[in-house]
Amino acid sequence: MAGKFVIITAKNGEFTFNLKASNGEVVLTASETYPNMGTCENGIASVKKNSGVHIEDQTREEKQTNPKYELYKDKAGEFRFRLKAANGEIIGKSESYKAKASAKKGIASIAKNAPDAPIVVIEPDEK
């Protein structure tokens, strides 16, 4: 089974999405909620387009141009990443990882799964 994007419809009528890897784990969450389905689908299209970009390892003070993944340590000392589009806007973010290598595997999973991942819509009562 391949990865998939899951669009979640909130009770307030807004939309968000997750990218799930082939093992069902969430590897990327939308950086915002969207007012309608079309803008949410545009966010997914941006993730698909930018999923194979380079990594800026901010724990090593590297600087890369957008689009890019920013890999960093959070306040708890764990590793996270965010995916930025060419315009510098954050289009997705990760959960925390205890090891940098695990965060990099999460990025690799996005690069593998996002480009061809189908989109599934979940209504509020289906969560």
C-alpha atoms as a PDB file:
ATOM      1  CA  MET A   1       0.000   0.000   0.000  1.00  0.00           C
ATOM      2  CA  ALA A   2       1.291   3.467  -0.903  1.00  0.00           C
ATOM      3  CA  GLY A   3       1.063   6.601   1.179  1.00  0.00           C
ATOM      4  CA  LYS A   4      -1.959   8.881   0.983  1.00  0.00           C
ATOM      5  CA  PHE A   5      -3.119  12.381   1.806  1.00  0.00           C
ATOM      6  CA  VAL A   6      -6.070  12.503   4.165  1.00  0.00           C
ATOM      7  CA  ILE A   7      -8.206  15.645   4.096  1.00  0.00           C
ATOM      8  CA  ILE A   8     -10.083  16.194   7.331  1.00  0.00           C
ATOM      9  CA  THR A   9     -13.228  18.288   7.321  1.00  0.00           C
ATOM     10  CA  ALA A  10     -13.683  20.152  10.610  1.00  0.00           C
ATOM     11  CA  LYS A  11     -17.095  20.760  12.110  1.00  0.00           C
ATOM     12  CA  ASN A  12     -16.627  24.493  11.489  1.00  0.00           C
ATOM     13  CA  GLY A  13     -16.373  23.765   7.762  1.00  0.00           C
ATOM     14  CA  GLU A  14     -12.624  24.301   7.433  1.00  0.00           C
ATOM     15  CA  PHE A  15     -10.207  21.714   6.053  1.00  0.00           C
ATOM     16  CA  THR A  16      -6.769  20.382   6.929  1.00  0.00           C
ATOM     17  CA  PHE A  17      -4.679  17.420   5.776  1.00  0.00           C
ATOM     18  CA  ASN A  18      -2.144  14.824   6.841  1.00  0.00           C
ATOM     19  CA  LEU A  19       0.209  12.783   4.705  1.00  0.00           C
ATOM     20  CA  LYS A  20       0.272   9.189   5.882  1.00  0.00           C
ATOM     21  CA  ALA A  21       3.117   6.871   4.901  1.00  0.00           C
ATOM     22  CA  SER A  22       2.430   3.395   3.591  1.00  0.00           C
ATOM     23  CA  ASN A  23       2.565   2.075   7.184  1.00  0.00           C
ATOM     24  CA  GLY A  24      -0.274   4.432   8.201  1.00  0.00           C
ATOM     25  CA  GLU A  25       1.932   6.770  10.252  1.00  0.00           C
ATOM     26  CA  VAL A  26       1.392  10.523   9.831  1.00  0.00           C
ATOM     27  CA  VAL A  27       4.626  11.976   8.435  1.00  0.00           C
ATOM     28  CA  LEU A  28       3.406  15.487   7.628  1.00  0.00           C
ATOM     29  CA  THR A  29       0.597  17.690   8.894  1.00  0.00           C
ATOM     30  CA  ALA A  30      -0.727  20.789   7.149  1.00  0.00           C
ATOM     31  CA  SER A  31       0.700  23.977   8.596  1.00  0.00           C
ATOM     32  CA  GLU A  32      -2.728  25.635   8.647  1.00  0.00           C
ATOM     33  CA  THR A  33      -6.443  25.078   8.231  1.00  0.00           C
ATOM     34  CA  TYR A  34      -8.007  26.024   4.919  1.00  0.00           C
ATOM     35  CA  PRO A  35     -11.349  27.798   4.401  1.00  0.00           C
ATOM     36  CA  ASN A  36     -12.458  25.489   1.578  1.00  0.00           C
ATOM     37  CA  MET A  37     -11.656  22.220  -0.176  1.00  0.00           C
ATOM     38  CA  GLY A  38      -9.983  23.950  -3.130  1.00  0.00           C
ATOM     39  CA  THR A  39      -7.414  25.775  -1.044  1.00  0.00           C
ATOM     40  CA  CYS A  40      -6.721  22.590   0.912  1.00  0.00           C
ATOM     41  CA  GLU A  41      -6.131  20.722  -2.356  1.00  0.00           C
ATOM     42  CA  ASN A  42      -3.798  23.550  -3.427  1.00  0.00           C
ATOM     43  CA  GLY A  43      -1.824  22.981  -0.203  1.00  0.00           C
ATOM     44  CA  ILE A  44      -1.537  19.286  -1.028  1.00  0.00           C
ATOM     45  CA  ALA A  45      -0.432  20.119  -4.577  1.00  0.00           C
ATOM     46  CA  SER A  46       2.302  22.325  -3.123  1.00  0.00           C
ATOM     47  CA  VAL A  47       3.509  19.498  -0.860  1.00  0.00           C
ATOM     48  CA  LYS A  48       3.563  17.123  -3.840  1.00  0.00           C
ATOM     49  CA  LYS A  49       5.511  19.655  -5.919  1.00  0.00           C
ATOM     50  CA  ASN A  50       8.031  20.450  -3.166  1.00  0.00           C
ATOM     51  CA  SER A  51       8.409  17.018  -1.552  1.00  0.00           C
ATOM     52  CA  GLY A  52      11.758  16.198  -3.149  1.00  0.00           C
ATOM     53  CA  VAL A  53      13.668  19.324  -2.158  1.00  0.00           C
ATOM     54  CA  HIS A  54      16.903  19.617  -0.175  1.00  0.00           C
ATOM     55  CA  ILE A  55      17.244  19.726   3.616  1.00  0.00           C
ATOM     56  CA  GLU A  56      18.529  22.725   5.560  1.00  0.00           C
ATOM     57  CA  ASP A  57      19.955  21.266   8.778  1.00  0.00           C
ATOM     58  CA  GLN A  58      19.537  24.165  11.195  1.00  0.00           C
ATOM     59  CA  THR A  59      21.302  22.198  13.919  1.00  0.00           C
ATOM     60  CA  ARG A  60      24.462  22.706  11.817  1.00  0.00           C
ATOM     61  CA  GLU A  61      23.786  26.313  10.762  1.00  0.00           C
ATOM     62  CA  GLU A  62      23.374  25.477   7.088  1.00  0.00           C
ATOM     63  CA  LYS A  63      21.513  27.856   4.816  1.00  0.00           C
ATOM     64  CA  GLN A  64      19.598  26.658   1.774  1.00  0.00           C
ATOM     65  CA  THR A  65      17.203  28.496  -0.512  1.00  0.00           C
ATOM     66  CA  ASN A  66      13.484  27.734  -0.681  1.00  0.00           C
ATOM     67  CA  PRO A  67      11.864  25.347  -1.378  1.00  0.00           C
ATOM     68  CA  LYS A  68      13.385  23.250   1.397  1.00  0.00           C
ATOM     69  CA  TYR A  69      12.882  21.164   4.490  1.00  0.00           C
ATOM     70  CA  GLU A  70      14.079  22.901   7.653  1.00  0.00           C
ATOM     71  CA  LEU A  71      15.378  20.352  10.158  1.00  0.00           C
ATOM     72  CA  TYR A  72      15.708  21.760  13.674  1.00  0.00           C
ATOM     73  CA  LYS A  73      15.672  21.012  17.414  1.00  0.00           C
ATOM     74  CA  ASP A  74      12.625  22.115  19.383  1.00  0.00           C
ATOM     75  CA  LYS A  75      12.604  23.500  22.959  1.00  0.00           C
ATOM     76  CA  ALA A  76      12.421  19.958  24.350  1.00  0.00           C
ATOM     77  CA  GLY A  77      15.610  19.004  22.466  1.00  0.00           C
ATOM     78  CA  GLU A  78      13.815  16.786  19.963  1.00  0.00           C
ATOM     79  CA  PHE A  79      14.055  17.011  16.181  1.00  0.00           C
ATOM     80  CA  ARG A  80      11.341  18.372  13.918  1.00  0.00           C
ATOM     81  CA  PHE A  81      11.102  19.577  10.356  1.00  0.00           C
ATOM     82  CA  ARG A  82       8.914  21.834   8.292  1.00  0.00           C
ATOM     83  CA  LEU A  83       8.492  21.948   4.528  1.00  0.00           C
ATOM     84  CA  LYS A  84       8.674  25.377   2.929  1.00  0.00           C
ATOM     85  CA  ALA A  85       7.457  26.216  -0.576  1.00  0.00           C
ATOM     86  CA  ALA A  86       9.439  28.338  -3.027  1.00  0.00           C
ATOM     87  CA  ASN A  87       7.757  31.488  -1.666  1.00  0.00           C
ATOM     88  CA  GLY A  88       9.001  30.687   1.865  1.00  0.00           C
ATOM     89  CA  GLU A  89       5.561  29.724   3.184  1.00  0.00           C
ATOM     90  CA  ILE A  90       5.434  26.729   5.528  1.00  0.00           C
ATOM     91  CA  ILE A  91       3.211  24.110   3.879  1.00  0.00           C
ATOM     92  CA  GLY A  92       3.704  21.217   6.282  1.00  0.00           C
ATOM     93  CA  LYS A  93       5.280  20.244   9.577  1.00  0.00           C
ATOM     94  CA  SER A  94       6.329  17.093  11.370  1.00  0.00           C
ATOM     95  CA  GLU A  95       5.805  15.654  14.795  1.00  0.00           C
ATOM     96  CA  SER A  96       8.839  15.411  17.083  1.00  0.00           C
ATOM     97  CA  TYR A  97      11.527  12.747  16.764  1.00  0.00           C
ATOM     98  CA  LYS A  98      14.052  11.755  19.432  1.00  0.00           C
ATOM     99  CA  ALA A  99      16.796  11.131  16.844  1.00  0.00           C
ATOM    100  CA  LYS A 100      17.877  13.250  13.886  1.00  0.00           C
ATOM    101  CA  ALA A 101      18.149  10.101  11.764  1.00  0.00           C
ATOM    102  CA  SER A 102      14.457   9.374  12.409  1.00  0.00           C
ATOM    103  CA  ALA A 103      13.474  12.889  11.322  1.00  0.00           C
ATOM    104  CA  LYS A 104      15.493  12.410   8.131  1.00  0.00           C
ATOM    105  CA  LYS A 105      13.657   9.121   7.526  1.00  0.00           C
ATOM    106  CA  GLY A 106      10.390  11.063   7.877  1.00  0.00           C
ATOM    107  CA  ILE A 107      11.574  13.497   5.191  1.00  0.00           C
ATOM    108  CA  ALA A 108      12.582  10.578   2.952  1.00  0.00           C
ATOM    109  CA  SER A 109       9.121   9.076   3.461  1.00  0.00           C
ATOM    110  CA  ILE A 110       7.491  12.304   2.294  1.00  0.00           C
ATOM    111  CA  ALA A 111       9.722  12.455  -0.783  1.00  0.00           C
ATOM    112  CA  LYS A 112       8.756   8.844  -1.564  1.00  0.00           C
ATOM    113  CA  ASN A 113       5.025   8.994  -0.771  1.00  0.00           C
ATOM    114  CA  ALA A 114       3.823  12.514  -1.577  1.00  0.00           C
ATOM    115  CA  PRO A 115       4.282  12.817  -5.355  1.00  0.00           C
ATOM    116  CA  ASP A 116       1.779  10.109  -6.303  1.00  0.00           C
ATOM    117  CA  ALA A 117      -0.266   9.841  -3.104  1.00  0.00           C
ATOM    118  CA  PRO A 118      -4.030   9.724  -3.624  1.00  0.00           C
ATOM    119  CA  ILE A 119      -6.296  12.062  -1.661  1.00  0.00           C
ATOM    120  CA  VAL A 120      -8.935  10.692   0.716  1.00  0.00           C
ATOM    121  CA  VAL A 121     -11.552  12.968   2.322  1.00  0.00           C
ATOM    122  CA  ILE A 122     -12.780  12.282   5.846  1.00  0.00           C
ATOM    123  CA  GLU A 123     -15.931  13.999   7.097  1.00  0.00           C
ATOM    124  CA  PRO A 124     -16.129  15.220  10.738  1.00  0.00           C
ATOM    125  CA  ASP A 125     -18.157  12.238  11.939  1.00  0.00           C
ATOM    126  CA  GLU A 126     -15.683   9.740  10.430  1.00  0.00           C
ATOM    127  CA  LYS A 127     -12.690  10.622  12.638  1.00  0.00           C
END
